[in-house]
Amino acid sequence: MKVESGGVSLDVEVHGQGKPVVLIHGFPDTKRLWAKQVPALVEGGFQVITPDGRGYGASDKPADVGAYAIPFLAIDVTAVLDALSIERAHVVGHDVVCKHVAGAAREVVVHAAVSVPPRG
């Protein structure tokens, strides 16, 4: 499915039913990073949501570098949840974007494994 976020079209896959969990890939991956985890989570009773982040995979690739600022990436996750009418979700990621999703206007439980140390 496609989800619009601030003029950027995000490619999103949804599998299963149950408690929602959003799996966020990091640089330079795509949602395919989670292909081996999705079946196990679906079998465990989760609705698994895997978006391609802006600039990756089948999502739009804005030319403006400013369009990739961390706040926009966090807002993209909120846009995906809104499109699916989800108020609460688990968010799992392996990059710095995941920790910023906790500040979004949504009740989320963030599970982050940061593989790239924050700079600055």
PDB file of N, CA and C in Angstrom:
ATOM      1  N   MET A   1       0.835  -1.171   0.000  1.00  0.00           N
ATOM      2  CA  MET A   1       0.000   0.000   0.000  1.00  0.00           C
ATOM      3  C   MET A   1       0.882   1.236   0.000  1.00  0.00           C
ATOM      4  N   LYS A   2       0.331   2.347  -0.443  1.00  0.00           N
ATOM      5  CA  LYS A   2       1.049   3.622  -0.439  1.00  0.00           C
ATOM      6  C   LYS A   2       0.453   4.527   0.634  1.00  0.00           C
ATOM      7  N   VAL A   3       1.312   5.224   1.361  1.00  0.00           N
ATOM      8  CA  VAL A   3       0.902   6.168   2.397  1.00  0.00           C
ATOM      9  C   VAL A   3       1.578   7.501   2.102  1.00  0.00           C
ATOM     10  N   GLU A   4       0.801   8.572   2.095  1.00  0.00           N
ATOM     11  CA  GLU A   4       1.338   9.907   1.867  1.00  0.00           C
ATOM     12  C   GLU A   4       1.773  10.532   3.194  1.00  0.00           C
ATOM     13  N   SER A   5       2.961  11.135   3.174  1.00  0.00           N
ATOM     14  CA  SER A   5       3.473  11.832   4.353  1.00  0.00           C
ATOM     15  C   SER A   5       4.178  13.097   3.890  1.00  0.00           C
ATOM     16  N   GLY A   6       3.519  14.230   4.071  1.00  0.00           N
ATOM     17  CA  GLY A   6       4.134  15.498   3.703  1.00  0.00           C
ATOM     18  C   GLY A   6       4.546  15.569   2.250  1.00  0.00           C
ATOM     19  N   GLY A   7       3.731  15.018   1.362  1.00  0.00           N
ATOM     20  CA  GLY A   7       4.033  15.053  -0.060  1.00  0.00           C
ATOM     21  C   GLY A   7       4.946  13.942  -0.539  1.00  0.00           C
ATOM     22  N   VAL A   8       5.320  13.043   0.343  1.00  0.00           N
ATOM     23  CA  VAL A   8       6.172  11.911  -0.007  1.00  0.00           C
ATOM     24  C   VAL A   8       5.335  10.637   0.087  1.00  0.00           C
ATOM     25  N   SER A   9       5.388   9.827  -0.953  1.00  0.00           N
ATOM     26  CA  SER A   9       4.661   8.559  -0.966  1.00  0.00           C
ATOM     27  C   SER A   9       5.565   7.458  -0.410  1.00  0.00           C
ATOM     28  N   LEU A  10       5.073   6.794   0.640  1.00  0.00           N
ATOM     29  CA  LEU A  10       5.826   5.713   1.285  1.00  0.00           C
ATOM     30  C   LEU A  10       5.221   4.373   0.895  1.00  0.00           C
ATOM     31  N   ASP A  11       6.062   3.413   0.571  1.00  0.00           N
ATOM     32  CA  ASP A  11       5.594   2.072   0.259  1.00  0.00           C
ATOM     33  C   ASP A  11       5.581   1.256   1.550  1.00  0.00           C
ATOM     34  N   VAL A  12       4.426   0.676   1.872  1.00  0.00           N
ATOM     35  CA  VAL A  12       4.233  -0.001   3.160  1.00  0.00           C
ATOM     36  C   VAL A  12       3.609  -1.369   2.933  1.00  0.00           C
ATOM     37  N   GLU A  13       4.108  -2.372   3.624  1.00  0.00           N
ATOM     38  CA  GLU A  13       3.489  -3.697   3.630  1.00  0.00           C
ATOM     39  C   GLU A  13       2.910  -3.961   5.006  1.00  0.00           C
ATOM     40  N   VAL A  14       1.749  -4.615   5.025  1.00  0.00           N
ATOM     41  CA  VAL A  14       1.079  -4.975   6.281  1.00  0.00           C
ATOM     42  C   VAL A  14       0.767  -6.460   6.228  1.00  0.00           C
ATOM     43  N   HIS A  15       1.151  -7.170   7.281  1.00  0.00           N
ATOM     44  CA  HIS A  15       0.927  -8.611   7.361  1.00  0.00           C
ATOM     45  C   HIS A  15       0.294  -8.959   8.699  1.00  0.00           C
ATOM     46  N   GLY A  16      -0.666  -9.874   8.682  1.00  0.00           N
ATOM     47  CA  GLY A  16      -1.246 -10.397   9.907  1.00  0.00           C
ATOM     48  C   GLY A  16      -2.227  -9.462  10.579  1.00  0.00           C
ATOM     49  N   GLN A  17      -2.709  -9.930  11.729  1.00  0.00           N
ATOM     50  CA  GLN A  17      -3.646  -9.180  12.553  1.00  0.00           C
ATOM     51  C   GLN A  17      -3.203  -9.313  14.000  1.00  0.00           C
ATOM     52  N   GLY A  18      -3.627  -8.368  14.812  1.00  0.00           N
ATOM     53  CA  GLY A  18      -3.275  -8.405  16.226  1.00  0.00           C
ATOM     54  C   GLY A  18      -2.646  -7.104  16.650  1.00  0.00           C
ATOM     55  N   LYS A  19      -1.825  -7.162  17.690  1.00  0.00           N
ATOM     56  CA  LYS A  19      -1.152  -5.962  18.182  1.00  0.00           C
ATOM     57  C   LYS A  19      -0.195  -5.456  17.101  1.00  0.00           C
ATOM     58  N   PRO A  20      -0.290  -4.166  16.759  1.00  0.00           N
ATOM     59  CA  PRO A  20       0.573  -3.655  15.690  1.00  0.00           C
ATOM     60  C   PRO A  20       2.013  -3.445  16.133  1.00  0.00           C
ATOM     61  N   VAL A  21       2.917  -3.811  15.236  1.00  0.00           N
ATOM     62  CA  VAL A  21       4.341  -3.560  15.427  1.00  0.00           C
ATOM     63  C   VAL A  21       4.884  -3.028  14.100  1.00  0.00           C
ATOM     64  N   VAL A  22       5.551  -1.875  14.186  1.00  0.00           N
ATOM     65  CA  VAL A  22       6.160  -1.253  13.011  1.00  0.00           C
ATOM     66  C   VAL A  22       7.648  -1.561  13.054  1.00  0.00           C
ATOM     67  N   LEU A  23       8.156  -2.130  11.969  1.00  0.00           N
ATOM     68  CA  LEU A  23       9.575  -2.464  11.875  1.00  0.00           C
ATOM     69  C   LEU A  23      10.253  -1.447  10.971  1.00  0.00           C
ATOM     70  N   ILE A  24      11.177  -0.678  11.523  1.00  0.00           N
ATOM     71  CA  ILE A  24      11.856   0.388  10.789  1.00  0.00           C
ATOM     72  C   ILE A  24      13.269  -0.059  10.425  1.00  0.00           C
ATOM     73  N   HIS A  25      13.549  -0.009   9.134  1.00  0.00           N
ATOM     74  CA  HIS A  25      14.913  -0.321   8.691  1.00  0.00           C
ATOM     75  C   HIS A  25      15.786   0.909   8.861  1.00  0.00           C
ATOM     76  N   GLY A  26      17.067   0.709   8.790  1.00  0.00           N
ATOM     77  CA  GLY A  26      18.001   1.828   8.865  1.00  0.00           C
ATOM     78  C   GLY A  26      18.768   1.986   7.570  1.00  0.00           C
ATOM     79  N   PHE A  27      19.745   2.846   7.595  1.00  0.00           N
ATOM     80  CA  PHE A  27      20.594   3.114   6.440  1.00  0.00           C
ATOM     81  C   PHE A  27      21.520   1.935   6.222  1.00  0.00           C
ATOM     82  N   PRO A  28      21.666   1.472   5.034  1.00  0.00           N
ATOM     83  CA  PRO A  28      21.051   1.802   3.756  1.00  0.00           C
ATOM     84  C   PRO A  28      20.041   0.736   3.319  1.00  0.00           C
ATOM     85  N   ASP A  29      19.340   0.137   4.245  1.00  0.00           N
ATOM     86  CA  ASP A  29      18.460  -0.995   3.950  1.00  0.00           C
ATOM     87  C   ASP A  29      17.086  -0.574   3.426  1.00  0.00           C
ATOM     88  N   THR A  30      16.225  -1.575   3.235  1.00  0.00           N
ATOM     89  CA  THR A  30      14.818  -1.387   2.887  1.00  0.00           C
ATOM     90  C   THR A  30      14.007  -2.269   3.823  1.00  0.00           C
ATOM     91  N   LYS A  31      12.685  -2.256   3.647  1.00  0.00           N
ATOM     92  CA  LYS A  31      11.826  -3.086   4.490  1.00  0.00           C
ATOM     93  C   LYS A  31      12.149  -4.570   4.362  1.00  0.00           C
ATOM     94  N   ARG A  32      12.826  -4.961   3.290  1.00  0.00           N
ATOM     95  CA  ARG A  32      13.201  -6.377   3.113  1.00  0.00           C
ATOM     96  C   ARG A  32      14.139  -6.869   4.212  1.00  0.00           C
ATOM     97  N   LEU A  33      14.769  -5.930   4.924  1.00  0.00           N
ATOM     98  CA  LEU A  33      15.637  -6.288   6.046  1.00  0.00           C
ATOM     99  C   LEU A  33      14.914  -7.205   7.030  1.00  0.00           C
ATOM    100  N   TRP A  34      13.599  -7.000   7.176  1.00  0.00           N
ATOM    101  CA  TRP A  34      12.801  -7.696   8.183  1.00  0.00           C
ATOM    102  C   TRP A  34      12.115  -8.948   7.645  1.00  0.00           C
ATOM    103  N   ALA A  35      12.403  -9.367   6.427  1.00  0.00           N
ATOM    104  CA  ALA A  35      11.686 -10.472   5.780  1.00  0.00           C
ATOM    105  C   ALA A  35      11.670 -11.759   6.616  1.00  0.00           C
ATOM    106  N   LYS A  36      12.725 -12.057   7.313  1.00  0.00           N
ATOM    107  CA  LYS A  36      12.777 -13.294   8.093  1.00  0.00           C
ATOM    108  C   LYS A  36      12.064 -13.167   9.437  1.00  0.00           C
ATOM    109  N   GLN A  37      11.882 -11.942   9.937  1.00  0.00           N
ATOM    110  CA  GLN A  37      11.206 -11.737  11.213  1.00  0.00           C
ATOM    111  C   GLN A  37       9.686 -11.649  11.051  1.00  0.00           C
ATOM    112  N   VAL A  38       9.225 -11.182   9.896  1.00  0.00           N
ATOM    113  CA  VAL A  38       7.791 -10.958   9.698  1.00  0.00           C
ATOM    114  C   VAL A  38       6.967 -12.223   9.946  1.00  0.00           C
ATOM    115  N   PRO A  39       7.288 -13.372   9.344  1.00  0.00           N
ATOM    116  CA  PRO A  39       6.448 -14.564   9.573  1.00  0.00           C
ATOM    117  C   PRO A  39       6.357 -14.973  11.045  1.00  0.00           C
ATOM    118  N   ALA A  40       7.456 -14.881  11.760  1.00  0.00           N
ATOM    119  CA  ALA A  40       7.448 -15.263  13.178  1.00  0.00           C
ATOM    120  C   ALA A  40       6.569 -14.313  13.993  1.00  0.00           C
ATOM    121  N   LEU A  41       6.633 -13.018  13.695  1.00  0.00           N
ATOM    122  CA  LEU A  41       5.810 -12.058  14.417  1.00  0.00           C
ATOM    123  C   LEU A  41       4.327 -12.233  14.087  1.00  0.00           C
ATOM    124  N   VAL A  42       4.010 -12.496  12.834  1.00  0.00           N
ATOM    125  CA  VAL A  42       2.613 -12.758  12.450  1.00  0.00           C
ATOM    126  C   VAL A  42       2.114 -13.999  13.177  1.00  0.00           C
ATOM    127  N   GLU A  43       2.926 -15.035  13.200  1.00  0.00           N
ATOM    128  CA  GLU A  43       2.550 -16.271  13.897  1.00  0.00           C
ATOM    129  C   GLU A  43       2.375 -16.022  15.392  1.00  0.00           C
ATOM    130  N   GLY A  44       3.098 -15.044  15.924  1.00  0.00           N
ATOM    131  CA  GLY A  44       3.000 -14.692  17.338  1.00  0.00           C
ATOM    132  C   GLY A  44       1.827 -13.774  17.659  1.00  0.00           C
ATOM    133  N   GLY A  45       1.014 -13.452  16.652  1.00  0.00           N
ATOM    134  CA  GLY A  45      -0.187 -12.672  16.903  1.00  0.00           C
ATOM    135  C   GLY A  45      -0.064 -11.175  16.683  1.00  0.00           C
ATOM    136  N   PHE A  46       0.934 -10.765  15.922  1.00  0.00           N
ATOM    137  CA  PHE A  46       1.111  -9.341  15.648  1.00  0.00           C
ATOM    138  C   PHE A  46       0.645  -8.971  14.246  1.00  0.00           C
ATOM    139  N   GLN A  47       0.230  -7.718  14.106  1.00  0.00           N
ATOM    140  CA  GLN A  47       0.047  -7.117  12.790  1.00  0.00           C
ATOM    141  C   GLN A  47       1.378  -6.429  12.508  1.00  0.00           C
ATOM    142  N   VAL A  48       2.080  -6.878  11.493  1.00  0.00           N
ATOM    143  CA  VAL A  48       3.433  -6.405  11.218  1.00  0.00           C
ATOM    144  C   VAL A  48       3.404  -5.392  10.071  1.00  0.00           C
ATOM    145  N   ILE A  49       3.950  -4.212  10.332  1.00  0.00           N
ATOM    146  CA  ILE A  49       3.939  -3.109   9.377  1.00  0.00           C
ATOM    147  C   ILE A  49       5.383  -2.777   9.032  1.00  0.00           C
ATOM    148  N   THR A  50       5.716  -2.881   7.742  1.00  0.00           N
ATOM    149  CA  THR A  50       7.083  -2.608   7.308  1.00  0.00           C
ATOM    150  C   THR A  50       7.078  -1.562   6.196  1.00  0.00           C
ATOM    151  N   PRO A  51       7.414  -0.321   6.535  1.00  0.00           N
ATOM    152  CA  PRO A  51       7.507   0.711   5.497  1.00  0.00           C
ATOM    153  C   PRO A  51       8.924   0.797   4.923  1.00  0.00           C
ATOM    154  N   ASP A  52       9.004   1.166   3.639  1.00  0.00           N
ATOM    155  CA  ASP A  52      10.275   1.627   3.089  1.00  0.00           C
ATOM    156  C   ASP A  52      10.371   3.087   3.477  1.00  0.00           C
ATOM    157  N   GLY A  53      11.439   3.471   4.125  1.00  0.00           N
ATOM    158  CA  GLY A  53      11.615   4.875   4.491  1.00  0.00           C
ATOM    159  C   GLY A  53      11.782   5.749   3.261  1.00  0.00           C
ATOM    160  N   ARG A  54      11.507   7.036   3.425  1.00  0.00           N
ATOM    161  CA  ARG A  54      11.680   7.956   2.295  1.00  0.00           C
ATOM    162  C   ARG A  54      13.110   7.858   1.787  1.00  0.00           C
ATOM    163  N   GLY A  55      13.221   7.758   0.468  1.00  0.00           N
ATOM    164  CA  GLY A  55      14.534   7.632  -0.153  1.00  0.00           C
ATOM    165  C   GLY A  55      14.994   6.205  -0.365  1.00  0.00           C
ATOM    166  N   TYR A  56      14.196   5.238   0.073  1.00  0.00           N
ATOM    167  CA  TYR A  56      14.612   3.837  -0.006  1.00  0.00           C
ATOM    168  C   TYR A  56      13.550   2.985  -0.684  1.00  0.00           C
ATOM    169  N   GLY A  57      13.992   1.903  -1.301  1.00  0.00           N
ATOM    170  CA  GLY A  57      13.065   0.934  -1.890  1.00  0.00           C
ATOM    171  C   GLY A  57      12.079   1.576  -2.838  1.00  0.00           C
ATOM    172  N   ALA A  58      10.799   1.243  -2.646  1.00  0.00           N
ATOM    173  CA  ALA A  58       9.735   1.716  -3.527  1.00  0.00           C
ATOM    174  C   ALA A  58       9.109   3.029  -3.057  1.00  0.00           C
ATOM    175  N   SER A  59       9.645   3.641  -1.994  1.00  0.00           N
ATOM    176  CA  SER A  59       9.143   4.940  -1.534  1.00  0.00           C
ATOM    177  C   SER A  59       9.759   6.059  -2.377  1.00  0.00           C
ATOM    178  N   ASP A  60       9.091   7.230  -2.340  1.00  0.00           N
ATOM    179  CA  ASP A  60       9.618   8.391  -3.070  1.00  0.00           C
ATOM    180  C   ASP A  60      10.998   8.774  -2.556  1.00  0.00           C
ATOM    181  N   LYS A  61      11.753   9.408  -3.447  1.00  0.00           N
ATOM    182  CA  LYS A  61      13.105   9.841  -3.135  1.00  0.00           C
ATOM    183  C   LYS A  61      13.207  11.354  -3.369  1.00  0.00           C
ATOM    184  N   PRO A  62      12.842  12.161  -2.364  1.00  0.00           N
ATOM    185  CA  PRO A  62      12.894  13.620  -2.540  1.00  0.00           C
ATOM    186  C   PRO A  62      14.301  14.097  -2.896  1.00  0.00           C
ATOM    187  N   ALA A  63      14.372  15.102  -3.759  1.00  0.00           N
ATOM    188  CA  ALA A  63      15.660  15.655  -4.165  1.00  0.00           C
ATOM    189  C   ALA A  63      16.262  16.547  -3.080  1.00  0.00           C
ATOM    190  N   ASP A  64      15.411  17.206  -2.296  1.00  0.00           N
ATOM    191  CA  ASP A  64      15.872  18.129  -1.256  1.00  0.00           C
ATOM    192  C   ASP A  64      16.431  17.353  -0.065  1.00  0.00           C
ATOM    193  N   VAL A  65      17.693  17.575   0.240  1.00  0.00           N
ATOM    194  CA  VAL A  65      18.348  16.887   1.357  1.00  0.00           C
ATOM    195  C   VAL A  65      17.614  17.150   2.672  1.00  0.00           C
ATOM    196  N   GLY A  66      17.029  18.339   2.816  1.00  0.00           N
ATOM    197  CA  GLY A  66      16.303  18.686   4.038  1.00  0.00           C
ATOM    198  C   GLY A  66      15.099  17.802   4.294  1.00  0.00           C
ATOM    199  N   ALA A  67      14.594  17.153   3.256  1.00  0.00           N
ATOM    200  CA  ALA A  67      13.440  16.265   3.396  1.00  0.00           C
ATOM    201  C   ALA A  67      13.774  14.998   4.170  1.00  0.00           C
ATOM    202  N   TYR A  68      15.054  14.776   4.449  1.00  0.00           N
ATOM    203  CA  TYR A  68      15.485  13.573   5.163  1.00  0.00           C
ATOM    204  C   TYR A  68      15.838  13.854   6.620  1.00  0.00           C
ATOM    205  N   ALA A  69      15.492  15.021   7.118  1.00  0.00           N
ATOM    206  CA  ALA A  69      15.771  15.357   8.517  1.00  0.00           C
ATOM    207  C   ALA A  69      15.020  14.400   9.438  1.00  0.00           C
ATOM    208  N   ILE A  70      15.617  14.085  10.560  1.00  0.00           N
ATOM    209  CA  ILE A  70      15.059  13.117  11.502  1.00  0.00           C
ATOM    210  C   ILE A  70      13.596  13.399  11.858  1.00  0.00           C
ATOM    211  N   PRO A  71      13.188  14.635  12.119  1.00  0.00           N
ATOM    212  CA  PRO A  71      11.766  14.848  12.444  1.00  0.00           C
ATOM    213  C   PRO A  71      10.814  14.368  11.339  1.00  0.00           C
ATOM    214  N   PHE A  72      11.192  14.556  10.070  1.00  0.00           N
ATOM    215  CA  PHE A  72      10.339  14.095   8.975  1.00  0.00           C
ATOM    216  C   PHE A  72      10.255  12.570   8.956  1.00  0.00           C
ATOM    217  N   LEU A  73      11.362  11.911   9.263  1.00  0.00           N
ATOM    218  CA  LEU A  73      11.369  10.447   9.272  1.00  0.00           C
ATOM    219  C   LEU A  73      10.469   9.911  10.382  1.00  0.00           C
ATOM    220  N   ALA A  74      10.470  10.580  11.528  1.00  0.00           N
ATOM    221  CA  ALA A  74       9.587  10.178  12.627  1.00  0.00           C
ATOM    222  C   ALA A  74       8.126  10.448  12.273  1.00  0.00           C
ATOM    223  N   ILE A  75       7.860  11.584  11.619  1.00  0.00           N
ATOM    224  CA  ILE A  75       6.500  11.908  11.195  1.00  0.00           C
ATOM    225  C   ILE A  75       5.986  10.874  10.189  1.00  0.00           C
ATOM    226  N   ASP A  76       6.875  10.339   9.370  1.00  0.00           N
ATOM    227  CA  ASP A  76       6.472   9.309   8.411  1.00  0.00           C
ATOM    228  C   ASP A  76       5.864   8.100   9.119  1.00  0.00           C
ATOM    229  N   VAL A  77       6.438   7.723  10.245  1.00  0.00           N
ATOM    230  CA  VAL A  77       5.900   6.578  10.995  1.00  0.00           C
ATOM    231  C   VAL A  77       4.504   6.919  11.514  1.00  0.00           C
ATOM    232  N   THR A  78       4.329   8.138  11.991  1.00  0.00           N
ATOM    233  CA  THR A  78       3.015   8.580  12.447  1.00  0.00           C
ATOM    234  C   THR A  78       2.009   8.564  11.304  1.00  0.00           C
ATOM    235  N   ALA A  79       2.436   8.971  10.105  1.00  0.00           N
ATOM    236  CA  ALA A  79       1.545   8.954   8.936  1.00  0.00           C
ATOM    237  C   ALA A  79       1.110   7.532   8.601  1.00  0.00           C
ATOM    238  N   VAL A  80       2.017   6.587   8.728  1.00  0.00           N
ATOM    239  CA  VAL A  80       1.671   5.181   8.470  1.00  0.00           C
ATOM    240  C   VAL A  80       0.638   4.710   9.489  1.00  0.00           C
ATOM    241  N   LEU A  81       0.855   5.026  10.762  1.00  0.00           N
ATOM    242  CA  LEU A  81      -0.100   4.629  11.800  1.00  0.00           C
ATOM    243  C   LEU A  81      -1.459   5.284  11.566  1.00  0.00           C
ATOM    244  N   ASP A  82      -1.471   6.557  11.184  1.00  0.00           N
ATOM    245  CA  ASP A  82      -2.730   7.252  10.892  1.00  0.00           C
ATOM    246  C   ASP A  82      -3.466   6.588   9.739  1.00  0.00           C
ATOM    247  N   ALA A  83      -2.739   6.241   8.677  1.00  0.00           N
ATOM    248  CA  ALA A  83      -3.360   5.625   7.498  1.00  0.00           C
ATOM    249  C   ALA A  83      -4.017   4.293   7.838  1.00  0.00           C
ATOM    250  N   LEU A  84      -3.483   3.626   8.857  1.00  0.00           N
ATOM    251  CA  LEU A  84      -4.025   2.325   9.275  1.00  0.00           C
ATOM    252  C   LEU A  84      -4.958   2.460  10.483  1.00  0.00           C
ATOM    253  N   SER A  85      -5.241   3.697  10.893  1.00  0.00           N
ATOM    254  CA  SER A  85      -6.107   3.979  12.056  1.00  0.00           C
ATOM    255  C   SER A  85      -5.614   3.276  13.316  1.00  0.00           C
ATOM    256  N   ILE A  86      -4.311   3.354  13.543  1.00  0.00           N
ATOM    257  CA  ILE A  86      -3.693   2.722  14.705  1.00  0.00           C
ATOM    258  C   ILE A  86      -3.303   3.803  15.707  1.00  0.00           C
ATOM    259  N   GLU A  87      -3.772   3.668  16.935  1.00  0.00           N
ATOM    260  CA  GLU A  87      -3.463   4.629  18.001  1.00  0.00           C
ATOM    261  C   GLU A  87      -2.240   4.224  18.815  1.00  0.00           C
ATOM    262  N   ARG A  88      -2.057   2.918  19.006  1.00  0.00           N
ATOM    263  CA  ARG A  88      -0.951   2.412  19.829  1.00  0.00           C
ATOM    264  C   ARG A  88      -0.207   1.346  19.048  1.00  0.00           C
ATOM    265  N   ALA A  89       1.115   1.365  19.153  1.00  0.00           N
ATOM    266  CA  ALA A  89       1.908   0.374  18.427  1.00  0.00           C
ATOM    267  C   ALA A  89       3.267   0.193  19.087  1.00  0.00           C
ATOM    268  N   HIS A  90       3.840  -0.956  18.837  1.00  0.00           N
ATOM    269  CA  HIS A  90       5.247  -1.189  19.147  1.00  0.00           C
ATOM    270  C   HIS A  90       6.022  -0.718  17.923  1.00  0.00           C
ATOM    271  N   VAL A  91       7.154  -0.076  18.137  1.00  0.00           N
ATOM    272  CA  VAL A  91       8.004   0.358  17.036  1.00  0.00           C
ATOM    273  C   VAL A  91       9.395  -0.225  17.278  1.00  0.00           C
ATOM    274  N   VAL A  92       9.878  -0.972  16.299  1.00  0.00           N
ATOM    275  CA  VAL A  92      11.174  -1.637  16.411  1.00  0.00           C
ATOM    276  C   VAL A  92      12.062  -1.122  15.291  1.00  0.00           C
ATOM    277  N   GLY A  93      13.289  -0.768  15.634  1.00  0.00           N
ATOM    278  CA  GLY A  93      14.206  -0.297  14.612  1.00  0.00           C
ATOM    279  C   GLY A  93      15.638  -0.551  14.995  1.00  0.00           C
ATOM    280  N   HIS A  94      16.513  -0.440  14.009  1.00  0.00           N
ATOM    281  CA  HIS A  94      17.927  -0.652  14.294  1.00  0.00           C
ATOM    282  C   HIS A  94      18.767   0.561  13.907  1.00  0.00           C
ATOM    283  N   ASP A  95      18.148   1.715  13.887  1.00  0.00           N
ATOM    284  CA  ASP A  95      18.879   2.926  13.531  1.00  0.00           C
ATOM    285  C   ASP A  95      18.362   4.080  14.380  1.00  0.00           C
ATOM    286  N   VAL A  96      18.954   5.236  14.245  1.00  0.00           N
ATOM    287  CA  VAL A  96      18.650   6.359  15.127  1.00  0.00           C
ATOM    288  C   VAL A  96      17.233   6.898  14.987  1.00  0.00           C
ATOM    289  N   VAL A  97      16.555   6.672  13.884  1.00  0.00           N
ATOM    290  CA  VAL A  97      15.198   7.187  13.693  1.00  0.00           C
ATOM    291  C   VAL A  97      14.252   6.629  14.748  1.00  0.00           C
ATOM    292  N   CYS A  98      14.426   5.384  15.104  1.00  0.00           N
ATOM    293  CA  CYS A  98      13.499   4.710  16.006  1.00  0.00           C
ATOM    294  C   CYS A  98      13.341   5.464  17.316  1.00  0.00           C
ATOM    295  N   LYS A  99      14.421   5.954  17.890  1.00  0.00           N
ATOM    296  CA  LYS A  99      14.309   6.629  19.187  1.00  0.00           C
ATOM    297  C   LYS A  99      13.558   7.951  19.086  1.00  0.00           C
ATOM    298  N   HIS A 100      13.513   8.550  17.901  1.00  0.00           N
ATOM    299  CA  HIS A 100      12.809   9.818  17.730  1.00  0.00           C
ATOM    300  C   HIS A 100      11.297   9.633  17.557  1.00  0.00           C
ATOM    301  N   VAL A 101      10.876   8.441  17.236  1.00  0.00           N
ATOM    302  CA  VAL A 101       9.454   8.167  17.059  1.00  0.00           C
ATOM    303  C   VAL A 101       8.721   8.309  18.384  1.00  0.00           C
ATOM    304  N   ALA A 102       9.416   8.081  19.487  1.00  0.00           N
ATOM    305  CA  ALA A 102       8.783   8.186  20.805  1.00  0.00           C
ATOM    306  C   ALA A 102       8.232   9.585  21.058  1.00  0.00           C
ATOM    307  N   GLY A 103       8.750  10.600  20.395  1.00  0.00           N
ATOM    308  CA  GLY A 103       8.277  11.959  20.574  1.00  0.00           C
ATOM    309  C   GLY A 103       7.074  12.296  19.718  1.00  0.00           C
ATOM    310  N   ALA A 104       6.651  11.371  18.870  1.00  0.00           N
ATOM    311  CA  ALA A 104       5.507  11.619  17.988  1.00  0.00           C
ATOM    312  C   ALA A 104       4.217  11.621  18.813  1.00  0.00           C
ATOM    313  N   ALA A 105       3.193  12.240  18.272  1.00  0.00           N
ATOM    314  CA  ALA A 105       1.900  12.341  18.972  1.00  0.00           C
ATOM    315  C   ALA A 105       1.148  11.024  18.870  1.00  0.00           C
ATOM    316  N   ARG A 106       1.675  10.013  19.487  1.00  0.00           N
ATOM    317  CA  ARG A 106       1.103   8.677  19.381  1.00  0.00           C
ATOM    318  C   ARG A 106       1.624   7.878  20.562  1.00  0.00           C
ATOM    319  N   GLU A 107       0.834   6.954  21.046  1.00  0.00           N
ATOM    320  CA  GLU A 107       1.318   6.095  22.122  1.00  0.00           C
ATOM    321  C   GLU A 107       2.041   4.913  21.498  1.00  0.00           C
ATOM    322  N   VAL A 108       3.351   4.908  21.653  1.00  0.00           N
ATOM    323  CA  VAL A 108       4.164   3.840  21.081  1.00  0.00           C
ATOM    324  C   VAL A 108       5.100   3.292  22.148  1.00  0.00           C
ATOM    325  N   VAL A 109       5.453   2.052  21.985  1.00  0.00           N
ATOM    326  CA  VAL A 109       6.494   1.435  22.789  1.00  0.00           C
ATOM    327  C   VAL A 109       7.652   1.224  21.835  1.00  0.00           C
ATOM    328  N   VAL A 110       8.760   1.890  22.091  1.00  0.00           N
ATOM    329  CA  VAL A 110       9.892   1.852  21.181  1.00  0.00           C
ATOM    330  C   VAL A 110      10.911   0.812  21.638  1.00  0.00           C
ATOM    331  N   HIS A 111      11.300  -0.030  20.707  1.00  0.00           N
ATOM    332  CA  HIS A 111      12.340  -1.026  20.925  1.00  0.00           C
ATOM    333  C   HIS A 111      13.426  -0.717  19.905  1.00  0.00           C
ATOM    334  N   ALA A 112      14.523  -0.131  20.339  1.00  0.00           N
ATOM    335  CA  ALA A 112      15.544   0.302  19.397  1.00  0.00           C
ATOM    336  C   ALA A 112      16.860  -0.431  19.632  1.00  0.00           C
ATOM    337  N   ALA A 113      17.451  -0.849  18.566  1.00  0.00           N
ATOM    338  CA  ALA A 113      18.805  -1.356  18.586  1.00  0.00           C
ATOM    339  C   ALA A 113      19.589  -0.445  17.649  1.00  0.00           C
ATOM    340  N   VAL A 114      20.270   0.520  18.216  1.00  0.00           N
ATOM    341  CA  VAL A 114      20.941   1.524  17.400  1.00  0.00           C
ATOM    342  C   VAL A 114      22.294   0.965  16.942  1.00  0.00           C
ATOM    343  N   SER A 115      22.434   0.814  15.626  1.00  0.00           N
ATOM    344  CA  SER A 115      23.661   0.273  15.085  1.00  0.00           C
ATOM    345  C   SER A 115      24.600   1.361  14.589  1.00  0.00           C
ATOM    346  N   VAL A 116      24.122   2.588  14.551  1.00  0.00           N
ATOM    347  CA  VAL A 116      24.950   3.714  14.107  1.00  0.00           C
ATOM    348  C   VAL A 116      24.978   4.718  15.240  1.00  0.00           C
ATOM    349  N   PRO A 117      26.157   5.011  15.823  1.00  0.00           N
ATOM    350  CA  PRO A 117      26.189   5.942  16.947  1.00  0.00           C
ATOM    351  C   PRO A 117      25.768   7.341  16.510  1.00  0.00           C
ATOM    352  N   PRO A 118      24.943   8.028  17.323  1.00  0.00           N
ATOM    353  CA  PRO A 118      24.547   9.399  17.000  1.00  0.00           C
ATOM    354  C   PRO A 118      25.772  10.314  16.944  1.00  0.00           C
ATOM    355  N   ARG A 119      25.720  11.278  16.064  1.00  0.00           N
ATOM    356  CA  ARG A 119      26.831  12.225  15.937  1.00  0.00           C
ATOM    357  C   ARG A 119      26.390  13.580  16.469  1.00  0.00           C
ATOM    358  N   GLY A 120      27.324  14.293  17.060  1.00  0.00           N
ATOM    359  CA  GLY A 120      27.054  15.663  17.502  1.00  0.00           C
ATOM    360  C   GLY A 120      26.432  15.722  18.783  1.00  0.00           C
TER     361      GLY A 120
END
